Amino acid sequence: MHRDSEDLSKDFAQNFKFIALFSDNLYGNFGNCSSGRICGIIGGMKKRNMISGIITLLLVILVVIFQDKIQKQVNQTLTNAGLKEPVVENTRYAGISAQIHTYECMIASGEILSYAPELTEDDVYTFLQGPKSWNRGVPWSGEWSLHYAKGQYFGSFGCGFCCIANIYSTFSDYQCSPLDVYDYAMEVTGYAPTKKNAAIDWGNLKVLLQRMGFSCDVYYKPATYEEFREQIKDCKTAVVLVSSANDDTLWKKVPGHYVTISLYDELGDDIFLGDPGSPTRNRTRVPLKYIYDALKTTSKFQYLMIEDYTEANNQWKHDGVDDYWIAP
């Protein structure tokens, strides 16, 4: 699902390398030719080579004409990356070739942060928590639903762990299962399931995500929907706690339930929903206003927003799903 964004930048440089070298080499050979000399070259060709000669000459002329345009595009790319036009000391490269050579070196050294591809719905993980989905072979369900803790099955308390696994597997270069998150929580946080309540709380949820390399924080429900909408538009994704006691448009008889939301669409004013408890609602677009109305106001906090992911801050780096599951 993830494509290394560094590859995109290398593709950019590779796509222009041939044109650059072709331009630099041939421009030196033909750029100073007089029109009489060019005509002499063409006149000396055999008839069977005349057409190919004319085509070659036209290609040379086109490359020379568009050389400045290509160089401007390379310079603009460097400017967009917040870099000045580089000074190249290696005389093996000149003109556009020098620009592209420097650009490639900066990518290799990490000086340039290459552009990440835009996230799509297909890229977003949305694990399911319940045993019914697993028994029916529903995509995104797994054997973690049968995990038993303090008298409760994972399907009754695992929504928070599914949400964390969704975020980790979507926005990092790694992959994990909800049960992997559960085990990690037991290892590094104060999370301790009880017979009364085995759900993870906001504090431990935040600690886990921060240890996984995410910049995040918890928030109260804003006074207006417009304020909430602006916050969601600006973040990568969010974990929200909903309750049918606040609004039962989407959720019926649900005292409290964690879900993930991402990919806000301004045109439809809707959001992509990851609902661990419902295979029918999971991976659907719903009005963001429904989420706002259903935020559980009796909870200490109502939602957590993910601002960014930093690889260097990831203390876990777990990769892979060892549990049996139904991949999409």
C-alpha atoms as a PDB file:
ATOM      1  CA  MET A   1       0.000   0.000   0.000  1.00  0.00           C
ATOM      2  CA  HIS A   2       2.938   2.328   0.602  1.00  0.00           C
ATOM      3  CA  ARG A   3       5.289   3.486  -1.978  1.00  0.00           C
ATOM      4  CA  ASP A   4       8.594   4.936  -0.804  1.00  0.00           C
ATOM      5  CA  SER A   5       8.331   8.675  -1.530  1.00  0.00           C
ATOM      6  CA  GLU A   6      12.087   8.776  -2.188  1.00  0.00           C
ATOM      7  CA  ASP A   7      11.450   6.669  -5.300  1.00  0.00           C
ATOM      8  CA  LEU A   8       9.224   9.417  -6.697  1.00  0.00           C
ATOM      9  CA  SER A   9      12.013  11.952  -6.479  1.00  0.00           C
ATOM     10  CA  LYS A  10      14.464   9.536  -8.084  1.00  0.00           C
ATOM     11  CA  ASP A  11      11.959   8.982 -10.879  1.00  0.00           C
ATOM     12  CA  PHE A  12      11.870  12.717 -11.455  1.00  0.00           C
ATOM     13  CA  ALA A  13      15.612  12.978 -11.823  1.00  0.00           C
ATOM     14  CA  GLN A  14      15.823   9.862 -13.999  1.00  0.00           C
ATOM     15  CA  ASN A  15      13.127  11.144 -16.354  1.00  0.00           C
ATOM     16  CA  PHE A  16      15.170  14.251 -17.123  1.00  0.00           C
ATOM     17  CA  LYS A  17      18.646  12.757 -17.130  1.00  0.00           C
ATOM     18  CA  PHE A  18      18.616  11.582 -20.745  1.00  0.00           C
ATOM     19  CA  ILE A  19      17.285  14.870 -22.072  1.00  0.00           C
ATOM     20  CA  ALA A  20      19.842  16.783 -20.026  1.00  0.00           C
ATOM     21  CA  LEU A  21      22.841  14.799 -21.239  1.00  0.00           C
ATOM     22  CA  PHE A  22      21.537  14.796 -24.808  1.00  0.00           C
ATOM     23  CA  SER A  23      21.116  18.551 -24.695  1.00  0.00           C
ATOM     24  CA  ASP A  24      24.504  19.304 -23.127  1.00  0.00           C
ATOM     25  CA  ASN A  25      26.451  17.075 -25.524  1.00  0.00           C
ATOM     26  CA  LEU A  26      24.690  17.877 -28.773  1.00  0.00           C
ATOM     27  CA  TYR A  27      24.275  21.546 -28.031  1.00  0.00           C
ATOM     28  CA  GLY A  28      28.050  21.820 -27.883  1.00  0.00           C
ATOM     29  CA  ASN A  29      28.361  20.091 -31.262  1.00  0.00           C
ATOM     30  CA  PHE A  30      25.649  21.946 -33.156  1.00  0.00           C
ATOM     31  CA  GLY A  31      25.091  25.159 -31.256  1.00  0.00           C
ATOM     32  CA  ASN A  32      27.905  27.011 -33.003  1.00  0.00           C
ATOM     33  CA  CYS A  33      27.365  25.593 -36.486  1.00  0.00           C
ATOM     34  CA  SER A  34      26.629  28.058 -39.242  1.00  0.00           C
ATOM     35  CA  SER A  35      23.598  27.452 -41.445  1.00  0.00           C
ATOM     36  CA  GLY A  36      25.927  26.735 -44.402  1.00  0.00           C
ATOM     37  CA  ARG A  37      27.741  24.052 -42.516  1.00  0.00           C
ATOM     38  CA  ILE A  38      24.475  22.381 -41.462  1.00  0.00           C
ATOM     39  CA  CYS A  39      23.274  22.443 -45.076  1.00  0.00           C
ATOM     40  CA  GLY A  40      26.582  20.909 -46.120  1.00  0.00           C
ATOM     41  CA  ILE A  41      26.116  18.092 -43.654  1.00  0.00           C
ATOM     42  CA  ILE A  42      22.616  17.411 -44.924  1.00  0.00           C
ATOM     43  CA  GLY A  43      23.693  17.722 -48.573  1.00  0.00           C
ATOM     44  CA  GLY A  44      26.391  15.099 -48.101  1.00  0.00           C
ATOM     45  CA  MET A  45      23.961  12.524 -46.850  1.00  0.00           C
ATOM     46  CA  LYS A  46      22.846   9.716 -49.023  1.00  0.00           C
ATOM     47  CA  LYS A  47      19.230   9.898 -50.093  1.00  0.00           C
ATOM     48  CA  ARG A  48      18.233   6.867 -48.068  1.00  0.00           C
ATOM     49  CA  ASN A  49      19.492   8.639 -44.933  1.00  0.00           C
ATOM     50  CA  MET A  50      17.989  12.024 -45.757  1.00  0.00           C
ATOM     51  CA  ILE A  51      14.767  11.532 -43.804  1.00  0.00           C
ATOM     52  CA  SER A  52      16.506  10.213 -40.692  1.00  0.00           C
ATOM     53  CA  GLY A  53      19.002  13.070 -40.910  1.00  0.00           C
ATOM     54  CA  ILE A  54      16.267  15.682 -41.030  1.00  0.00           C
ATOM     55  CA  ILE A  55      14.482  14.062 -38.064  1.00  0.00           C
ATOM     56  CA  THR A  56      17.711  14.002 -36.068  1.00  0.00           C
ATOM     57  CA  LEU A  57      18.336  17.673 -36.843  1.00  0.00           C
ATOM     58  CA  LEU A  58      14.801  18.586 -35.768  1.00  0.00           C
ATOM     59  CA  LEU A  59      15.246  16.719 -32.493  1.00  0.00           C
ATOM     60  CA  VAL A  60      18.495  18.583 -31.838  1.00  0.00           C
ATOM     61  CA  ILE A  61      16.795  21.915 -32.532  1.00  0.00           C
ATOM     62  CA  LEU A  62      13.904  21.040 -30.186  1.00  0.00           C
ATOM     63  CA  VAL A  63      16.261  20.038 -27.395  1.00  0.00           C
ATOM     64  CA  VAL A  64      18.213  23.282 -27.775  1.00  0.00           C
ATOM     65  CA  ILE A  65      15.015  25.351 -27.810  1.00  0.00           C
ATOM     66  CA  PHE A  66      13.581  23.719 -24.697  1.00  0.00           C
ATOM     67  CA  GLN A  67      16.843  23.518 -22.757  1.00  0.00           C
ATOM     68  CA  ASP A  68      16.118  26.697 -20.810  1.00  0.00           C
ATOM     69  CA  LYS A  69      12.598  25.517 -19.994  1.00  0.00           C
ATOM     70  CA  ILE A  70      13.876  22.190 -18.633  1.00  0.00           C
ATOM     71  CA  GLN A  71      16.507  23.940 -16.548  1.00  0.00           C
ATOM     72  CA  LYS A  72      13.890  26.320 -15.143  1.00  0.00           C
ATOM     73  CA  GLN A  73      11.763  23.336 -14.114  1.00  0.00           C
ATOM     74  CA  VAL A  74      14.673  21.764 -12.256  1.00  0.00           C
ATOM     75  CA  ASN A  75      15.458  25.100 -10.559  1.00  0.00           C
ATOM     76  CA  GLN A  76      11.793  25.482  -9.583  1.00  0.00           C
ATOM     77  CA  THR A  77      11.816  22.018  -8.011  1.00  0.00           C
ATOM     78  CA  LEU A  78      14.816  22.994  -5.897  1.00  0.00           C
ATOM     79  CA  THR A  79      13.121  26.271  -4.955  1.00  0.00           C
ATOM     80  CA  ASN A  80       9.956  24.425  -3.883  1.00  0.00           C
ATOM     81  CA  ALA A  81      12.106  22.291  -1.632  1.00  0.00           C
ATOM     82  CA  GLY A  82      13.415  25.456   0.033  1.00  0.00           C
ATOM     83  CA  LEU A  83      16.858  25.319  -1.563  1.00  0.00           C
ATOM     84  CA  LYS A  84      18.910  27.899  -3.442  1.00  0.00           C
ATOM     85  CA  GLU A  85      20.291  27.186  -6.876  1.00  0.00           C
ATOM     86  CA  PRO A  86      23.317  24.963  -6.144  1.00  0.00           C
ATOM     87  CA  VAL A  87      26.921  25.651  -7.076  1.00  0.00           C
ATOM     88  CA  VAL A  88      28.505  22.553  -8.597  1.00  0.00           C
ATOM     89  CA  GLU A  89      32.237  22.130  -8.295  1.00  0.00           C
ATOM     90  CA  ASN A  90      32.467  18.843 -10.203  1.00  0.00           C
ATOM     91  CA  THR A  91      33.326  19.862 -13.779  1.00  0.00           C
ATOM     92  CA  ARG A  92      32.145  16.540 -15.185  1.00  0.00           C
ATOM     93  CA  TYR A  93      28.638  18.008 -15.046  1.00  0.00           C
ATOM     94  CA  ALA A  94      27.426  21.238 -16.590  1.00  0.00           C
ATOM     95  CA  GLY A  95      24.151  22.949 -17.396  1.00  0.00           C
ATOM     96  CA  ILE A  96      21.044  20.897 -16.688  1.00  0.00           C
ATOM     97  CA  SER A  97      23.162  17.832 -15.997  1.00  0.00           C
ATOM     98  CA  ALA A  98      24.795  19.659 -13.115  1.00  0.00           C
ATOM     99  CA  GLN A  99      21.437  20.666 -11.660  1.00  0.00           C
ATOM    100  CA  ILE A 100      20.073  17.119 -11.834  1.00  0.00           C
ATOM    101  CA  HIS A 101      23.304  15.610 -10.477  1.00  0.00           C
ATOM    102  CA  THR A 102      23.100  17.920  -7.460  1.00  0.00           C
ATOM    103  CA  TYR A 103      19.398  17.162  -7.011  1.00  0.00           C
ATOM    104  CA  GLU A 104      20.112  13.403  -6.945  1.00  0.00           C
ATOM    105  CA  CYS A 105      22.915  13.875  -4.421  1.00  0.00           C
ATOM    106  CA  MET A 106      20.618  15.870  -2.145  1.00  0.00           C
ATOM    107  CA  ILE A 107      17.976  13.129  -2.280  1.00  0.00           C
ATOM    108  CA  ALA A 108      20.572  10.469  -1.452  1.00  0.00           C
ATOM    109  CA  SER A 109      21.902  12.490   1.516  1.00  0.00           C
ATOM    110  CA  GLY A 110      18.423  13.266   2.810  1.00  0.00           C
ATOM    111  CA  GLU A 111      18.893  17.022   2.405  1.00  0.00           C
ATOM    112  CA  ILE A 112      15.809  17.156   0.211  1.00  0.00           C
ATOM    113  CA  LEU A 113      12.612  15.745   1.688  1.00  0.00           C
ATOM    114  CA  SER A 114      10.971  14.049  -1.254  1.00  0.00           C
ATOM    115  CA  TYR A 115       7.274  14.480  -1.904  1.00  0.00           C
ATOM    116  CA  ALA A 116       4.900  11.868  -0.450  1.00  0.00           C
ATOM    117  CA  PRO A 117       2.092  10.544  -2.620  1.00  0.00           C
ATOM    118  CA  GLU A 118      -1.397  11.735  -1.765  1.00  0.00           C
ATOM    119  CA  LEU A 119      -3.281   9.417   0.584  1.00  0.00           C
ATOM    120  CA  THR A 120      -6.307   7.624  -0.869  1.00  0.00           C
ATOM    121  CA  GLU A 121      -9.059   5.507   0.691  1.00  0.00           C
ATOM    122  CA  ASP A 122      -7.322   2.350  -0.551  1.00  0.00           C
ATOM    123  CA  ASP A 123      -4.263   3.287   1.530  1.00  0.00           C
ATOM    124  CA  VAL A 124      -6.188   3.558   4.803  1.00  0.00           C
ATOM    125  CA  TYR A 125      -6.256   0.581   7.189  1.00  0.00           C
ATOM    126  CA  THR A 126      -9.577  -0.101   8.961  1.00  0.00           C
ATOM    127  CA  PHE A 127      -9.380  -3.214  11.153  1.00  0.00           C
ATOM    128  CA  LEU A 128     -12.530  -4.836  12.571  1.00  0.00           C
ATOM    129  CA  GLN A 129     -12.730  -6.022  16.172  1.00  0.00           C
ATOM    130  CA  GLY A 130     -15.625  -8.485  16.362  1.00  0.00           C
ATOM    131  CA  PRO A 131     -15.841 -12.305  16.135  1.00  0.00           C
ATOM    132  CA  LYS A 132     -18.933 -12.220  13.898  1.00  0.00           C
ATOM    133  CA  SER A 133     -16.979 -10.492  11.137  1.00  0.00           C
ATOM    134  CA  TRP A 134     -14.125 -12.977  11.576  1.00  0.00           C
ATOM    135  CA  ASN A 135     -16.450 -15.982  11.434  1.00  0.00           C
ATOM    136  CA  ARG A 136     -18.075 -14.663   8.242  1.00  0.00           C
ATOM    137  CA  GLY A 137     -14.723 -13.970   6.597  1.00  0.00           C
ATOM    138  CA  VAL A 138     -15.251 -10.213   6.324  1.00  0.00           C
ATOM    139  CA  PRO A 139     -12.189  -8.317   5.045  1.00  0.00           C
ATOM    140  CA  TRP A 140     -10.247  -6.480   7.776  1.00  0.00           C
ATOM    141  CA  SER A 141     -11.306  -8.953  10.473  1.00  0.00           C
ATOM    142  CA  GLY A 142      -8.875 -11.260  12.281  1.00  0.00           C
ATOM    143  CA  GLU A 143      -8.353 -13.869  14.957  1.00  0.00           C
ATOM    144  CA  TRP A 144      -7.588 -11.137  17.494  1.00  0.00           C
ATOM    145  CA  SER A 145     -11.378 -10.942  17.946  1.00  0.00           C
ATOM    146  CA  LEU A 146     -11.172 -14.211  19.920  1.00  0.00           C
ATOM    147  CA  HIS A 147      -8.583 -12.907  22.386  1.00  0.00           C
ATOM    148  CA  TYR A 148      -9.812 -13.177  25.971  1.00  0.00           C
ATOM    149  CA  ALA A 149      -8.846 -10.760  28.752  1.00  0.00           C
ATOM    150  CA  LYS A 150     -10.300 -10.531  32.272  1.00  0.00           C
ATOM    151  CA  GLY A 151     -13.564 -12.186  31.336  1.00  0.00           C
ATOM    152  CA  GLN A 152     -14.072 -10.211  28.122  1.00  0.00           C
ATOM    153  CA  TYR A 153     -13.461 -10.988  24.480  1.00  0.00           C
ATOM    154  CA  PHE A 154     -11.533  -8.548  22.325  1.00  0.00           C
ATOM    155  CA  GLY A 155     -14.666  -7.839  20.316  1.00  0.00           C
ATOM    156  CA  SER A 156     -16.202  -6.069  23.305  1.00  0.00           C
ATOM    157  CA  PHE A 157     -13.298  -3.748  24.154  1.00  0.00           C
ATOM    158  CA  GLY A 158     -10.822  -3.733  21.240  1.00  0.00           C
ATOM    159  CA  CYS A 159     -12.010  -0.672  19.279  1.00  0.00           C
ATOM    160  CA  GLY A 160      -9.237   1.558  20.637  1.00  0.00           C
ATOM    161  CA  PHE A 161      -6.530  -0.942  19.730  1.00  0.00           C
ATOM    162  CA  CYS A 162      -7.987  -1.268  16.221  1.00  0.00           C
ATOM    163  CA  CYS A 163      -7.846   2.510  15.816  1.00  0.00           C
ATOM    164  CA  ILE A 164      -4.193   2.662  16.861  1.00  0.00           C
ATOM    165  CA  ALA A 165      -3.323  -0.215  14.515  1.00  0.00           C
ATOM    166  CA  ASN A 166      -5.131   1.630  11.706  1.00  0.00           C
ATOM    167  CA  ILE A 167      -3.055   4.767  12.235  1.00  0.00           C
ATOM    168  CA  TYR A 168       0.277   2.979  12.662  1.00  0.00           C
ATOM    169  CA  SER A 169      -0.197   0.800   9.568  1.00  0.00           C
ATOM    170  CA  THR A 170      -1.484   3.682   7.420  1.00  0.00           C
ATOM    171  CA  PHE A 171       0.947   6.482   8.216  1.00  0.00           C
ATOM    172  CA  SER A 172       4.192   4.659   8.978  1.00  0.00           C
ATOM    173  CA  ASP A 173       6.177   2.298   6.768  1.00  0.00           C
ATOM    174  CA  TYR A 174       5.284  -0.555   9.095  1.00  0.00           C
ATOM    175  CA  GLN A 175       2.300  -2.793   9.764  1.00  0.00           C
ATOM    176  CA  CYS A 176       0.768  -4.255  12.906  1.00  0.00           C
ATOM    177  CA  SER A 177      -2.405  -5.955  14.121  1.00  0.00           C
ATOM    178  CA  PRO A 178      -4.752  -4.700  16.854  1.00  0.00           C
ATOM    179  CA  LEU A 179      -3.503  -7.517  19.077  1.00  0.00           C
ATOM    180  CA  ASP A 180       0.092  -6.356  18.535  1.00  0.00           C
ATOM    181  CA  VAL A 181      -0.969  -2.949  19.863  1.00  0.00           C
ATOM    182  CA  TYR A 182      -2.687  -4.586  22.836  1.00  0.00           C
ATOM    183  CA  ASP A 183       0.496  -6.496  23.730  1.00  0.00           C
ATOM    184  CA  TYR A 184       2.615  -3.331  23.336  1.00  0.00           C
ATOM    185  CA  ALA A 185       0.237  -1.402  25.599  1.00  0.00           C
ATOM    186  CA  MET A 186       0.598  -4.064  28.281  1.00  0.00           C
ATOM    187  CA  GLU A 187       4.377  -3.776  27.962  1.00  0.00           C
ATOM    188  CA  VAL A 188       5.034  -0.011  27.947  1.00  0.00           C
ATOM    189  CA  THR A 189       1.995   1.774  29.431  1.00  0.00           C
ATOM    190  CA  GLY A 190      -0.122   1.636  32.557  1.00  0.00           C
ATOM    191  CA  TYR A 191      -2.934  -0.096  30.684  1.00  0.00           C
ATOM    192  CA  ALA A 192      -4.446  -2.914  32.751  1.00  0.00           C
ATOM    193  CA  PRO A 193      -7.751  -4.504  31.715  1.00  0.00           C
ATOM    194  CA  THR A 194     -10.283  -5.281  34.449  1.00  0.00           C
ATOM    195  CA  LYS A 195     -13.494  -7.275  34.573  1.00  0.00           C
ATOM    196  CA  LYS A 196     -15.417  -4.010  34.660  1.00  0.00           C
ATOM    197  CA  ASN A 197     -13.603  -2.250  31.827  1.00  0.00           C
ATOM    198  CA  ALA A 198     -10.906  -3.444  29.427  1.00  0.00           C
ATOM    199  CA  ALA A 199     -11.008  -0.502  27.012  1.00  0.00           C
ATOM    200  CA  ILE A 200      -7.870   1.626  26.681  1.00  0.00           C
ATOM    201  CA  ASP A 201      -8.193   5.167  28.047  1.00  0.00           C
ATOM    202  CA  TRP A 202      -7.151   8.452  26.425  1.00  0.00           C
ATOM    203  CA  GLY A 203      -3.913   8.790  28.376  1.00  0.00           C
ATOM    204  CA  ASN A 204      -2.513   5.389  27.432  1.00  0.00           C
ATOM    205  CA  LEU A 205      -3.796   5.764  23.872  1.00  0.00           C
ATOM    206  CA  LYS A 206      -1.838   9.004  23.506  1.00  0.00           C
ATOM    207  CA  VAL A 207       1.308   7.509  25.081  1.00  0.00           C
ATOM    208  CA  LEU A 208       1.230   4.565  22.681  1.00  0.00           C
ATOM    209  CA  LEU A 209       0.892   6.747  19.588  1.00  0.00           C
ATOM    210  CA  GLN A 210       3.701   9.045  20.735  1.00  0.00           C
ATOM    211  CA  ARG A 211       6.005   6.058  21.290  1.00  0.00           C
ATOM    212  CA  MET A 212       5.134   4.972  17.753  1.00  0.00           C
ATOM    213  CA  GLY A 213       6.421   8.284  16.373  1.00  0.00           C
ATOM    214  CA  PHE A 214       3.214  10.321  16.107  1.00  0.00           C
ATOM    215  CA  SER A 215       2.698  13.926  17.163  1.00  0.00           C
ATOM    216  CA  CYS A 216      -0.768  13.982  18.704  1.00  0.00           C
ATOM    217  CA  ASP A 217      -2.951  15.443  21.421  1.00  0.00           C
ATOM    218  CA  VAL A 218      -6.407  15.033  22.952  1.00  0.00           C
ATOM    219  CA  TYR A 219      -9.198  17.613  22.726  1.00  0.00           C
ATOM    220  CA  TYR A 220     -12.574  18.614  24.103  1.00  0.00           C
ATOM    221  CA  LYS A 221     -15.614  18.985  21.873  1.00  0.00           C
ATOM    222  CA  PRO A 222     -15.587  22.549  20.459  1.00  0.00           C
ATOM    223  CA  ALA A 223     -18.564  24.811  21.005  1.00  0.00           C
ATOM    224  CA  THR A 224     -19.328  24.916  17.269  1.00  0.00           C
ATOM    225  CA  TYR A 225     -19.251  22.404  14.434  1.00  0.00           C
ATOM    226  CA  GLU A 226     -17.349  24.871  12.250  1.00  0.00           C
ATOM    227  CA  GLU A 227     -14.436  24.914  14.687  1.00  0.00           C
ATOM    228  CA  PHE A 228     -14.375  21.118  14.823  1.00  0.00           C
ATOM    229  CA  ARG A 229     -14.451  20.911  11.031  1.00  0.00           C
ATOM    230  CA  GLU A 230     -11.452  23.243  10.671  1.00  0.00           C
ATOM    231  CA  GLN A 231      -9.453  21.118  13.106  1.00  0.00           C
ATOM    232  CA  ILE A 232     -10.249  17.876  11.282  1.00  0.00           C
ATOM    233  CA  LYS A 233      -9.421  19.433   7.909  1.00  0.00           C
ATOM    234  CA  ASP A 234      -5.938  20.326   9.131  1.00  0.00           C
ATOM    235  CA  CYS A 235      -4.948  16.997  10.734  1.00  0.00           C
ATOM    236  CA  LYS A 236      -3.856  13.721   9.164  1.00  0.00           C
ATOM    237  CA  THR A 237      -6.435  11.604  10.983  1.00  0.00           C
ATOM    238  CA  ALA A 238      -8.278  11.472  14.294  1.00  0.00           C
ATOM    239  CA  VAL A 239      -9.541   8.977  16.832  1.00  0.00           C
ATOM    240  CA  VAL A 240     -12.972  10.026  18.081  1.00  0.00           C
ATOM    241  CA  LEU A 241     -15.124   8.645  20.888  1.00  0.00           C
ATOM    242  CA  VAL A 242     -18.803   8.501  19.963  1.00  0.00           C
ATOM    243  CA  SER A 243     -21.915   7.609  21.927  1.00  0.00           C
ATOM    244  CA  SER A 244     -25.545   7.068  20.998  1.00  0.00           C
ATOM    245  CA  ALA A 245     -26.451   8.957  24.181  1.00  0.00           C
ATOM    246  CA  ASN A 246     -25.330  12.127  22.400  1.00  0.00           C
ATOM    247  CA  ASP A 247     -26.694  11.259  18.951  1.00  0.00           C
ATOM    248  CA  ASP A 248     -28.042   7.986  17.586  1.00  0.00           C
ATOM    249  CA  THR A 249     -28.113   8.820  13.883  1.00  0.00           C
ATOM    250  CA  LEU A 250     -25.267   6.385  13.119  1.00  0.00           C
ATOM    251  CA  TRP A 251     -24.834   4.408  16.338  1.00  0.00           C
ATOM    252  CA  LYS A 252     -27.648   2.726  18.269  1.00  0.00           C
ATOM    253  CA  LYS A 253     -27.287   1.575  21.885  1.00  0.00           C
ATOM    254  CA  VAL A 254     -23.574   2.356  21.919  1.00  0.00           C
ATOM    255  CA  PRO A 255     -22.462   3.838  25.267  1.00  0.00           C
ATOM    256  CA  GLY A 256     -18.927   4.539  24.013  1.00  0.00           C
ATOM    257  CA  HIS A 257     -16.954   3.550  20.934  1.00  0.00           C
ATOM    258  CA  TYR A 258     -13.627   4.600  19.352  1.00  0.00           C
ATOM    259  CA  VAL A 259     -13.530   5.108  15.559  1.00  0.00           C
ATOM    260  CA  THR A 260     -11.033   6.687  13.170  1.00  0.00           C
ATOM    261  CA  ILE A 261     -11.828   9.430  10.656  1.00  0.00           C
ATOM    262  CA  SER A 262      -9.670  10.695   7.786  1.00  0.00           C
ATOM    263  CA  LEU A 263      -9.687  12.203   4.275  1.00  0.00           C
ATOM    264  CA  TYR A 264     -12.181  15.004   4.851  1.00  0.00           C
ATOM    265  CA  ASP A 265     -13.916  16.076   1.622  1.00  0.00           C
ATOM    266  CA  GLU A 266     -14.950  19.709   1.578  1.00  0.00           C
ATOM    267  CA  LEU A 267     -17.339  19.298  -1.357  1.00  0.00           C
ATOM    268  CA  GLY A 268     -19.514  16.743   0.427  1.00  0.00           C
ATOM    269  CA  ASP A 269     -18.588  17.883   3.955  1.00  0.00           C
ATOM    270  CA  ASP A 270     -18.006  14.212   4.732  1.00  0.00           C
ATOM    271  CA  ILE A 271     -15.274  11.985   6.135  1.00  0.00           C
ATOM    272  CA  PHE A 272     -13.889   8.475   5.559  1.00  0.00           C
ATOM    273  CA  LEU A 273     -14.914   6.326   8.546  1.00  0.00           C
ATOM    274  CA  GLY A 274     -13.006   3.445  10.072  1.00  0.00           C
ATOM    275  CA  ASP A 275     -15.501   1.740  12.398  1.00  0.00           C
ATOM    276  CA  PRO A 276     -14.028  -1.365  14.100  1.00  0.00           C
ATOM    277  CA  GLY A 277     -17.441  -2.417  15.375  1.00  0.00           C
ATOM    278  CA  SER A 278     -19.461  -2.418  12.165  1.00  0.00           C
ATOM    279  CA  PRO A 279     -18.536  -4.074   8.849  1.00  0.00           C
ATOM    280  CA  THR A 280     -21.385  -2.149   7.178  1.00  0.00           C
ATOM    281  CA  ARG A 281     -20.314   1.305   8.374  1.00  0.00           C
ATOM    282  CA  ASN A 282     -16.600   0.546   8.101  1.00  0.00           C
ATOM    283  CA  ARG A 283     -14.900   2.166   5.086  1.00  0.00           C
ATOM    284  CA  THR A 284     -17.877   4.386   4.227  1.00  0.00           C
ATOM    285  CA  ARG A 285     -18.099   8.151   3.899  1.00  0.00           C
ATOM    286  CA  VAL A 286     -20.381   9.811   6.432  1.00  0.00           C
ATOM    287  CA  PRO A 287     -21.258  13.461   7.135  1.00  0.00           C
ATOM    288  CA  LEU A 288     -18.689  14.932   9.505  1.00  0.00           C
ATOM    289  CA  LYS A 289     -21.559  16.668  11.325  1.00  0.00           C
ATOM    290  CA  TYR A 290     -22.831  13.240  12.440  1.00  0.00           C
ATOM    291  CA  ILE A 291     -19.457  12.600  14.088  1.00  0.00           C
ATOM    292  CA  TYR A 292     -19.516  15.964  15.830  1.00  0.00           C
ATOM    293  CA  ASP A 293     -23.043  15.420  17.138  1.00  0.00           C
ATOM    294  CA  ALA A 294     -22.200  11.947  18.488  1.00  0.00           C
ATOM    295  CA  LEU A 295     -19.026  12.912  20.399  1.00  0.00           C
ATOM    296  CA  LYS A 296     -19.274  11.472  23.906  1.00  0.00           C
ATOM    297  CA  THR A 297     -19.395  14.522  26.149  1.00  0.00           C
ATOM    298  CA  THR A 298     -19.392  12.547  29.430  1.00  0.00           C
ATOM    299  CA  SER A 299     -15.851  11.384  28.632  1.00  0.00           C
ATOM    300  CA  LYS A 300     -12.837  13.349  29.878  1.00  0.00           C
ATOM    301  CA  PHE A 301     -11.855  14.003  26.253  1.00  0.00           C
ATOM    302  CA  GLN A 302     -13.735  13.523  22.984  1.00  0.00           C
ATOM    303  CA  TYR A 303     -11.081  13.042  20.314  1.00  0.00           C
ATOM    304  CA  LEU A 304      -7.370  12.772  19.552  1.00  0.00           C
ATOM    305  CA  MET A 305      -5.806  14.326  16.444  1.00  0.00           C
ATOM    306  CA  ILE A 306      -2.682  13.108  14.648  1.00  0.00           C
ATOM    307  CA  GLU A 307      -0.579  15.984  13.345  1.00  0.00           C
ATOM    308  CA  ASP A 308       2.456  14.174  11.923  1.00  0.00           C
ATOM    309  CA  TYR A 309       4.636  11.063  11.953  1.00  0.00           C
ATOM    310  CA  THR A 310       8.419  11.130  12.531  1.00  0.00           C
ATOM    311  CA  GLU A 311      10.368   7.961  11.842  1.00  0.00           C
ATOM    312  CA  ALA A 312      13.166   8.924  14.233  1.00  0.00           C
ATOM    313  CA  ASN A 313      10.651   9.114  17.114  1.00  0.00           C
ATOM    314  CA  ASN A 314       9.255   5.626  16.502  1.00  0.00           C
ATOM    315  CA  GLN A 315      10.465   3.536  19.443  1.00  0.00           C
ATOM    316  CA  TRP A 316       8.516   0.427  18.414  1.00  0.00           C
ATOM    317  CA  LYS A 317       9.183  -0.206  14.720  1.00  0.00           C
ATOM    318  CA  HIS A 318       7.135  -3.380  14.844  1.00  0.00           C
ATOM    319  CA  ASP A 319       6.439  -4.653  11.340  1.00  0.00           C
ATOM    320  CA  GLY A 320       4.119  -7.418  10.214  1.00  0.00           C
ATOM    321  CA  VAL A 321       0.833  -9.064  11.180  1.00  0.00           C
ATOM    322  CA  ASP A 322       1.443 -12.534  12.626  1.00  0.00           C
ATOM    323  CA  ASP A 323      -2.228 -13.166  13.411  1.00  0.00           C
ATOM    324  CA  TYR A 324      -4.509 -14.803  10.873  1.00  0.00           C
ATOM    325  CA  TRP A 325      -6.728 -12.186   9.268  1.00  0.00           C
ATOM    326  CA  ILE A 326      -8.763 -11.452   6.150  1.00  0.00           C
ATOM    327  CA  ALA A 327      -6.713  -8.971   4.158  1.00  0.00           C
ATOM    328  CA  PRO A 328      -8.659  -6.848   1.639  1.00  0.00           C
END
